[in-house]
Amino acid sequence: MERRSLRRLVLGPAPAPDRVCFYSIWFRGHNNPRYEELLPRLERLDRYLLTLSDRRVLRGAEYRALRSVKRLHDPLVLGLAARRYRALFTADNEQIPLFAGPIVSDVDDPFFTAREVELLSHPSLRAYVVTAERAARRYEAMGLQKPWHVVPQGVSLSSVDEGERREIAEARRDTPFVAGYMAAWLLTGDDRGGENPLYNVEHLFELWDEVHERAPEAELWLVGGASDSVRRRAATRPDVRVLGRLPRPRALAHAASFDVALYPRAADQGIQSAKIAEYLGLGLPTVSYDYEVTAELRETGAGLLARTPREFVEAIVRLARDEGERRRLAEAARTAGAGRDWDVLAARYAEILDLYLPAT
């Protein structure tokens, strides 16, 4: 993705009238996958990305420093942007009152607070985009009266390396059943940030202990930035493979070789999960807890939803033994995921920007 420096915002040539400004802090190597895929496909965007280090300790220090000056930094940057651009696309609602021009906001992680409704009600905001209709309906119930559109989470099917996908499938040919899980981080409670249900895999290990007892031929593949404690724990388990953090094409190629995808998070966080979208797009049967965030699996019949840990284990073991059931769920996932390719979703998004942020 082309990244424009803030120096160019100050000293660069004047942008063409049809250009739309986007500004964000960018976490090198593991930013929000929605924006990694969406932003490069929106041809009218000029992307000013303040990129932080890929070294965790340094990145944390940089982020804290930026947060401490945010009240001064953001008004300065958005004020400069407003002098050069007539329109803004944002993924940070706090930017809305700082830009003097029409705005479209992408609200992929809603908080449903009074402050958020106040920001989205600002006169400059022309429309907002959510990943699921129920998010917009909830905002409306809170009094927000703005046009909204739904662009769900997606998957970049074109980035899957088919050659590598075939090689992975060939290499695991003698493994009868693979269940897999992907996350940005794979942590335990002893790790910094390990209390976050998005990244803690201790519950998954507990579930897998029971799965292994009942289906010892099964393997668990983990894709993501694994901590030393996770790697040590997995090192004693021949049935667990930690693949680590992989470039997205390789991560998706490995995920495409899962027999079943897992969503074992111990809490319901968010409206729609990018991981569920990736699993659907890849045509993967999925086992998950029964949450609002995984309602798509229930609605499309693309997975098995559990209410308890015992049911979660039962669902994995059932699919390990029933290839026909896996095929049925995989077909439902492929049908549901057909429109989830980011090339399709980005074209829809471009139409939204053209509607509310026209070139003239």
Protein backbone atom coordinates (compact mmCIF):
# COMPACT_ATOMS: atom_id res chain seq x y z
CA MET A 1 0.00 0.00 0.00
CA GLU A 2 1.33 3.47 -0.91
CA ARG A 3 1.90 5.50 2.23
CA ARG A 4 2.09 9.27 1.97
CA SER A 5 4.18 11.05 4.57
CA LEU A 6 2.81 13.91 6.63
CA ARG A 7 5.60 16.02 5.14
CA ARG A 8 3.92 15.61 1.77
CA LEU A 9 0.67 16.83 3.31
CA VAL A 10 2.45 20.09 4.14
CA LEU A 11 4.87 20.53 1.23
CA GLY A 12 3.59 18.28 -1.54
CA PRO A 13 1.75 19.39 -4.68
CA ALA A 14 -1.91 20.28 -4.44
CA PRO A 15 -4.11 17.18 -4.85
CA ALA A 16 -6.62 16.89 -7.69
CA PRO A 17 -10.19 17.93 -6.79
CA ASP A 18 -11.45 14.35 -6.78
CA ARG A 19 -8.95 13.11 -4.19
CA VAL A 20 -10.13 12.05 -0.73
CA CYS A 21 -7.90 12.27 2.33
CA PHE A 22 -7.38 9.40 4.77
CA TYR A 23 -5.17 9.70 7.86
CA SER A 24 -4.41 7.02 10.44
CA ILE A 25 -1.80 5.61 12.75
CA TRP A 26 -0.55 2.43 11.10
CA PHE A 27 0.81 -0.61 12.89
CA ARG A 28 3.38 -2.13 10.57
CA GLY A 29 2.72 -5.80 9.80
CA HIS A 30 -0.48 -6.28 11.81
CA ASN A 31 -2.89 -3.42 11.33
CA ASN A 32 -6.63 -3.98 11.01
CA PRO A 33 -6.95 -6.43 8.07
CA ARG A 34 -10.08 -4.61 6.90
CA TYR A 35 -8.06 -1.51 6.09
CA GLU A 36 -5.06 -3.43 4.79
CA GLU A 37 -7.33 -4.84 2.11
CA LEU A 38 -9.82 -2.01 1.59
CA LEU A 39 -7.66 1.11 1.43
CA PRO A 40 -5.44 0.10 -1.52
CA ARG A 41 -8.54 -0.73 -3.53
CA LEU A 42 -10.14 2.72 -3.10
CA GLU A 43 -8.48 4.55 -5.95
CA ARG A 44 -9.57 8.05 -4.92
CA LEU A 45 -7.86 7.88 -1.52
CA ASP A 46 -4.63 9.62 -0.62
CA ARG A 47 -3.43 7.62 2.38
CA TYR A 48 -1.38 9.43 5.01
CA LEU A 49 -0.24 6.71 7.39
CA LEU A 50 1.84 7.44 10.46
CA THR A 51 3.61 4.09 10.65
CA LEU A 52 4.80 2.74 13.98
CA SER A 53 7.63 0.28 14.55
CA ASP A 54 7.14 -3.46 14.08
CA ARG A 55 9.13 -4.04 17.29
CA ARG A 56 6.59 -4.53 20.06
CA VAL A 57 8.28 -2.59 22.88
CA LEU A 58 9.22 0.35 20.66
CA ARG A 59 5.79 0.35 19.05
CA GLY A 60 4.14 0.55 22.47
CA ALA A 61 6.32 3.50 23.45
CA GLU A 62 5.58 5.28 20.17
CA TYR A 63 1.85 4.71 20.55
CA ARG A 64 1.78 6.00 24.11
CA ALA A 65 3.73 9.09 23.03
CA LEU A 66 1.26 9.77 20.22
CA ARG A 67 -1.72 9.31 22.53
CA SER A 68 -0.23 11.83 24.94
CA VAL A 69 -0.13 14.53 22.22
CA LYS A 70 -3.27 13.45 20.34
CA ARG A 71 -5.25 16.55 21.37
CA LEU A 72 -2.64 18.75 19.73
CA HIS A 73 -1.47 16.46 16.95
CA ASP A 74 -4.81 15.48 15.39
CA PRO A 75 -6.26 19.02 15.07
CA LEU A 76 -3.02 20.11 13.40
CA VAL A 77 -2.98 17.25 10.89
CA LEU A 78 -6.71 17.42 10.10
CA GLY A 79 -6.53 21.21 9.84
CA LEU A 80 -3.76 20.90 7.25
CA ALA A 81 -5.74 18.23 5.44
CA ALA A 82 -8.82 20.46 5.28
CA ARG A 83 -6.79 23.17 3.56
CA ARG A 84 -5.80 20.77 0.76
CA TYR A 85 -8.70 18.33 0.52
CA ARG A 86 -12.40 18.93 0.26
CA ALA A 87 -13.36 15.46 1.57
CA LEU A 88 -12.28 12.98 4.23
CA PHE A 89 -12.71 9.25 4.66
CA THR A 90 -12.04 8.22 8.26
CA ALA A 91 -11.91 5.16 10.48
CA ASP A 92 -11.58 7.32 13.62
CA ASN A 93 -14.75 9.15 14.62
CA GLU A 94 -12.77 11.60 16.77
CA GLN A 95 -11.47 13.08 13.51
CA ILE A 96 -14.94 14.15 12.38
CA PRO A 97 -15.21 17.55 14.16
CA LEU A 98 -11.61 18.38 13.19
CA PHE A 99 -12.17 18.43 9.42
CA ALA A 100 -14.01 21.22 7.63
CA GLY A 101 -15.57 19.33 4.76
CA PRO A 102 -17.80 16.35 3.90
CA ILE A 103 -16.88 13.06 5.59
CA VAL A 104 -17.71 9.36 5.34
CA SER A 105 -16.80 7.24 8.38
CA ASP A 106 -16.16 3.52 8.50
CA VAL A 107 -17.34 2.22 11.88
CA ASP A 108 -16.07 -1.34 11.91
CA ASP A 109 -15.68 -1.47 15.71
CA PRO A 110 -18.66 0.38 17.23
CA PHE A 111 -18.81 1.29 20.91
CA PHE A 112 -22.43 2.58 21.02
CA THR A 113 -21.61 5.39 23.43
CA ALA A 114 -23.23 8.81 23.72
CA ARG A 115 -19.93 10.34 22.60
CA GLU A 116 -19.89 8.22 19.46
CA VAL A 117 -23.46 9.19 18.58
CA GLU A 118 -22.53 12.85 19.12
CA LEU A 119 -19.57 12.54 16.73
CA LEU A 120 -21.55 10.70 14.07
CA SER A 121 -24.29 13.35 14.29
CA HIS A 122 -21.84 16.10 13.29
CA PRO A 123 -23.03 18.16 10.28
CA SER A 124 -19.88 17.33 8.31
CA LEU A 125 -20.64 13.62 8.34
CA ARG A 126 -22.54 12.64 5.21
CA ALA A 127 -22.88 8.91 5.94
CA TYR A 128 -21.35 6.07 7.90
CA VAL A 129 -20.61 2.45 7.06
CA VAL A 130 -21.01 -0.53 9.39
CA THR A 131 -20.23 -4.22 8.97
CA ALA A 132 -23.72 -5.42 9.96
CA GLU A 133 -27.20 -3.90 9.75
CA ARG A 134 -27.89 -4.50 13.46
CA ALA A 135 -25.14 -2.00 14.33
CA ALA A 136 -26.88 0.76 12.38
CA ARG A 137 -30.26 -0.17 13.87
CA ARG A 138 -28.78 0.15 17.33
CA TYR A 139 -27.39 3.58 16.50
CA GLU A 140 -30.82 4.61 15.22
CA ALA A 141 -32.37 3.45 18.49
CA MET A 142 -29.89 5.76 20.25
CA GLY A 143 -31.14 8.71 18.17
CA LEU A 144 -28.60 8.83 15.35
CA GLN A 145 -30.22 10.01 12.13
CA LYS A 146 -27.64 9.71 9.37
CA PRO A 147 -27.54 7.67 6.16
CA TRP A 148 -25.77 4.34 6.63
CA HIS A 149 -24.58 1.46 4.51
CA VAL A 150 -23.40 -2.07 5.23
CA VAL A 151 -20.08 -3.33 3.89
CA PRO A 152 -19.24 -6.54 5.75
CA GLN A 153 -15.83 -7.89 6.58
CA GLY A 154 -14.16 -9.66 3.69
CA VAL A 155 -11.29 -11.78 2.50
CA SER A 156 -8.76 -11.25 -0.29
CA LEU A 157 -9.22 -14.42 -2.28
CA SER A 158 -6.89 -13.16 -5.00
CA SER A 159 -4.02 -13.03 -2.52
CA VAL A 160 -4.17 -16.76 -1.76
CA ASP A 161 -1.13 -18.37 -3.37
CA GLU A 162 -2.67 -21.36 -5.13
CA GLY A 163 0.71 -23.03 -5.63
CA GLU A 164 1.49 -22.80 -1.94
CA ARG A 165 -2.02 -23.90 -1.11
CA ARG A 166 -1.50 -27.09 -3.13
CA GLU A 167 1.90 -27.68 -1.52
CA ILE A 168 0.43 -27.35 1.99
CA ALA A 169 -2.44 -29.67 1.12
CA GLU A 170 0.05 -32.23 -0.25
CA ALA A 171 2.31 -31.96 2.81
CA ARG A 172 -0.56 -32.63 5.20
CA ARG A 173 -2.02 -35.48 3.15
CA ASP A 174 -1.22 -38.04 5.86
CA THR A 175 -2.88 -35.91 8.57
CA PRO A 176 -6.53 -37.01 8.61
CA PHE A 177 -7.97 -33.94 10.32
CA VAL A 178 -6.71 -30.39 10.91
CA ALA A 179 -8.53 -27.78 12.97
CA GLY A 180 -7.10 -24.27 12.77
CA TYR A 181 -7.26 -20.90 14.42
CA MET A 182 -5.92 -17.50 13.30
CA ALA A 183 -5.34 -14.37 15.38
CA ALA A 184 -3.00 -11.40 15.29
CA TRP A 185 -1.51 -12.56 18.61
CA LEU A 186 -1.49 -15.89 20.40
CA LEU A 187 -0.98 -15.25 24.12
CA THR A 188 -1.43 -16.73 27.58
CA GLY A 189 -2.49 -14.98 30.77
CA ASP A 190 1.16 -14.51 31.74
CA ASP A 191 1.83 -12.43 28.62
CA ARG A 192 1.35 -8.71 28.31
CA GLY A 193 -2.07 -8.26 26.73
CA GLY A 194 -2.94 -11.87 27.50
CA GLU A 195 -6.06 -10.85 29.40
CA ASN A 196 -7.67 -9.83 26.09
CA PRO A 197 -10.08 -12.56 24.88
CA LEU A 198 -9.15 -11.66 21.30
CA TYR A 199 -5.65 -13.04 21.80
CA ASN A 200 -5.71 -15.40 24.78
CA VAL A 201 -5.49 -19.05 23.67
CA GLU A 202 -5.45 -20.75 27.07
CA HIS A 203 -9.11 -21.72 26.71
CA LEU A 204 -8.38 -23.14 23.27
CA PHE A 205 -5.61 -25.32 24.74
CA GLU A 206 -8.05 -26.54 27.39
CA LEU A 207 -10.60 -27.43 24.73
CA TRP A 208 -7.96 -29.15 22.64
CA ASP A 209 -6.84 -31.31 25.56
CA GLU A 210 -10.29 -32.90 25.49
CA VAL A 211 -10.41 -33.09 21.70
CA HIS A 212 -7.05 -34.87 21.66
CA GLU A 213 -8.25 -37.47 24.16
CA ARG A 214 -11.19 -38.34 21.93
CA ALA A 215 -9.60 -37.79 18.50
CA PRO A 216 -5.83 -38.34 18.91
CA GLU A 217 -5.29 -38.28 15.14
CA ALA A 218 -6.39 -34.61 14.93
CA GLU A 219 -3.95 -31.70 14.72
CA LEU A 220 -4.41 -28.09 15.80
CA TRP A 221 -2.72 -25.42 13.64
CA LEU A 222 -2.22 -21.93 15.08
CA VAL A 223 -1.50 -18.94 12.84
CA GLY A 224 -0.44 -15.67 14.46
CA GLY A 225 2.23 -13.96 16.51
CA ALA A 226 2.83 -16.54 19.23
CA SER A 227 4.43 -15.60 22.55
CA ASP A 228 7.27 -17.64 24.02
CA SER A 229 4.87 -19.12 26.58
CA VAL A 230 2.55 -20.34 23.82
CA ARG A 231 5.46 -21.84 21.88
CA ARG A 232 6.78 -23.60 24.99
CA ARG A 233 3.36 -25.07 25.68
CA ALA A 234 2.93 -26.23 22.10
CA ALA A 235 6.45 -27.70 21.95
CA THR A 236 5.34 -30.52 24.24
CA ARG A 237 2.37 -31.32 22.01
CA PRO A 238 2.98 -33.19 18.72
CA ASP A 239 -0.68 -32.57 17.93
CA VAL A 240 -0.26 -28.77 17.98
CA ARG A 241 1.62 -26.79 15.29
CA VAL A 242 2.43 -23.12 15.84
CA LEU A 243 2.95 -21.62 12.40
CA GLY A 244 3.61 -18.13 13.76
CA ARG A 245 2.94 -14.83 12.06
CA LEU A 246 2.76 -15.27 8.30
CA PRO A 247 2.33 -12.82 5.42
CA ARG A 248 -1.36 -12.69 4.61
CA PRO A 249 -1.14 -14.75 1.37
CA ARG A 250 0.65 -17.54 3.25
CA ALA A 251 -1.69 -17.28 6.24
CA LEU A 252 -4.71 -17.65 3.98
CA ALA A 253 -3.06 -20.52 2.06
CA HIS A 254 -2.57 -22.38 5.34
CA ALA A 255 -6.10 -21.58 6.51
CA ALA A 256 -7.46 -22.94 3.23
CA SER A 257 -5.97 -26.30 4.28
CA PHE A 258 -7.91 -26.44 7.54
CA ASP A 259 -10.62 -29.08 7.63
CA VAL A 260 -12.41 -26.99 10.25
CA ALA A 261 -11.80 -23.43 11.45
CA LEU A 262 -12.21 -22.53 15.12
CA TYR A 263 -13.50 -19.39 16.80
CA PRO A 264 -12.95 -20.24 20.49
CA ARG A 265 -12.96 -16.75 21.97
CA ALA A 266 -14.35 -16.75 25.48
CA ALA A 267 -16.25 -13.45 25.12
CA ASP A 268 -18.46 -11.82 22.50
CA GLN A 269 -16.63 -8.70 21.25
CA GLY A 270 -17.83 -6.64 18.32
CA ILE A 271 -20.51 -6.77 15.67
CA GLN A 272 -18.79 -8.78 12.98
CA SER A 273 -15.50 -10.64 12.95
CA ALA A 274 -12.96 -10.38 10.15
CA LYS A 275 -11.93 -13.94 10.98
CA ILE A 276 -15.44 -15.26 10.40
CA ALA A 277 -15.49 -13.46 7.05
CA GLU A 278 -12.17 -15.05 6.09
CA TYR A 279 -13.40 -18.49 7.10
CA LEU A 280 -16.57 -18.03 5.04
CA GLY A 281 -14.67 -16.71 2.04
CA LEU A 282 -12.35 -19.71 2.13
CA GLY A 283 -15.31 -22.08 2.39
CA LEU A 284 -14.35 -23.43 5.81
CA PRO A 285 -16.74 -25.12 8.23
CA THR A 286 -16.42 -23.30 11.55
CA VAL A 287 -16.97 -24.25 15.17
CA SER A 288 -17.69 -21.31 17.45
CA TYR A 289 -19.48 -20.26 20.57
CA ASP A 290 -22.96 -18.93 19.92
CA TYR A 291 -22.41 -15.16 19.94
CA GLU A 292 -23.87 -12.16 18.18
CA VAL A 293 -20.52 -11.77 16.44
CA THR A 294 -20.91 -15.26 14.94
CA ALA A 295 -24.59 -14.96 14.03
CA GLU A 296 -23.66 -15.34 10.36
CA LEU A 297 -22.70 -18.95 10.99
CA ARG A 298 -26.14 -19.63 12.42
CA GLU A 299 -27.94 -17.72 9.67
CA THR A 300 -26.03 -19.34 6.82
CA GLY A 301 -25.65 -22.83 8.25
CA ALA A 302 -21.89 -22.64 7.70
CA GLY A 303 -20.86 -23.80 11.16
CA LEU A 304 -21.69 -25.46 14.43
CA LEU A 305 -22.38 -23.16 17.39
CA ALA A 306 -21.79 -24.23 20.97
CA ARG A 307 -23.18 -22.86 24.21
CA THR A 308 -20.72 -24.60 26.51
CA PRO A 309 -17.11 -25.88 26.35
CA ARG A 310 -18.44 -29.45 26.29
CA GLU A 311 -20.57 -28.66 23.24
CA PHE A 312 -17.57 -27.00 21.59
CA VAL A 313 -15.48 -30.14 22.02
CA GLU A 314 -18.35 -32.33 20.88
CA ALA A 315 -18.72 -30.28 17.69
CA ILE A 316 -15.02 -30.60 16.79
CA VAL A 317 -14.98 -34.35 17.43
CA ARG A 318 -18.20 -34.78 15.46
CA LEU A 319 -16.70 -33.04 12.42
CA ALA A 320 -13.44 -34.92 12.74
CA ARG A 321 -15.40 -38.14 12.29
CA ASP A 322 -18.01 -37.03 9.77
CA GLU A 323 -16.56 -35.99 6.42
CA GLY A 324 -20.02 -35.68 4.91
CA GLU A 325 -21.07 -33.15 7.52
CA ARG A 326 -17.88 -31.18 6.89
CA ARG A 327 -18.66 -31.09 3.17
CA ARG A 328 -22.19 -29.87 3.81
CA LEU A 329 -20.99 -27.06 6.05
CA ALA A 330 -18.18 -26.17 3.64
CA GLU A 331 -20.67 -25.79 0.79
CA ALA A 332 -22.82 -23.49 2.93
CA ALA A 333 -19.69 -21.46 3.80
CA ARG A 334 -18.70 -21.13 0.13
CA THR A 335 -22.21 -19.96 -0.76
CA ALA A 336 -22.25 -17.41 2.05
CA GLY A 337 -18.72 -16.24 1.30
CA ALA A 338 -19.15 -15.81 -2.45
CA GLY A 339 -19.64 -12.06 -2.15
CA ARG A 340 -16.96 -11.53 0.49
CA ASP A 341 -14.00 -11.03 -1.80
CA TRP A 342 -12.51 -7.61 -1.15
CA ASP A 343 -12.49 -6.84 -4.88
CA VAL A 344 -16.29 -7.06 -4.77
CA LEU A 345 -16.70 -5.21 -1.47
CA ALA A 346 -14.29 -2.41 -2.43
CA ALA A 347 -16.23 -1.74 -5.63
CA ARG A 348 -19.35 -1.31 -3.49
CA TYR A 349 -17.43 0.98 -1.14
CA ALA A 350 -16.17 3.13 -4.02
CA GLU A 351 -19.79 3.72 -5.04
CA ILE A 352 -20.58 4.93 -1.50
CA LEU A 353 -17.70 7.41 -1.57
CA ASP A 354 -18.74 8.66 -5.01
CA LEU A 355 -22.29 9.16 -3.74
CA TYR A 356 -21.45 11.17 -0.64
CA LEU A 357 -18.05 12.62 -1.55
CA PRO A 358 -18.50 13.42 -5.25
CA ALA A 359 -15.52 14.59 -7.25
CA THR A 360 -17.14 17.92 -8.12
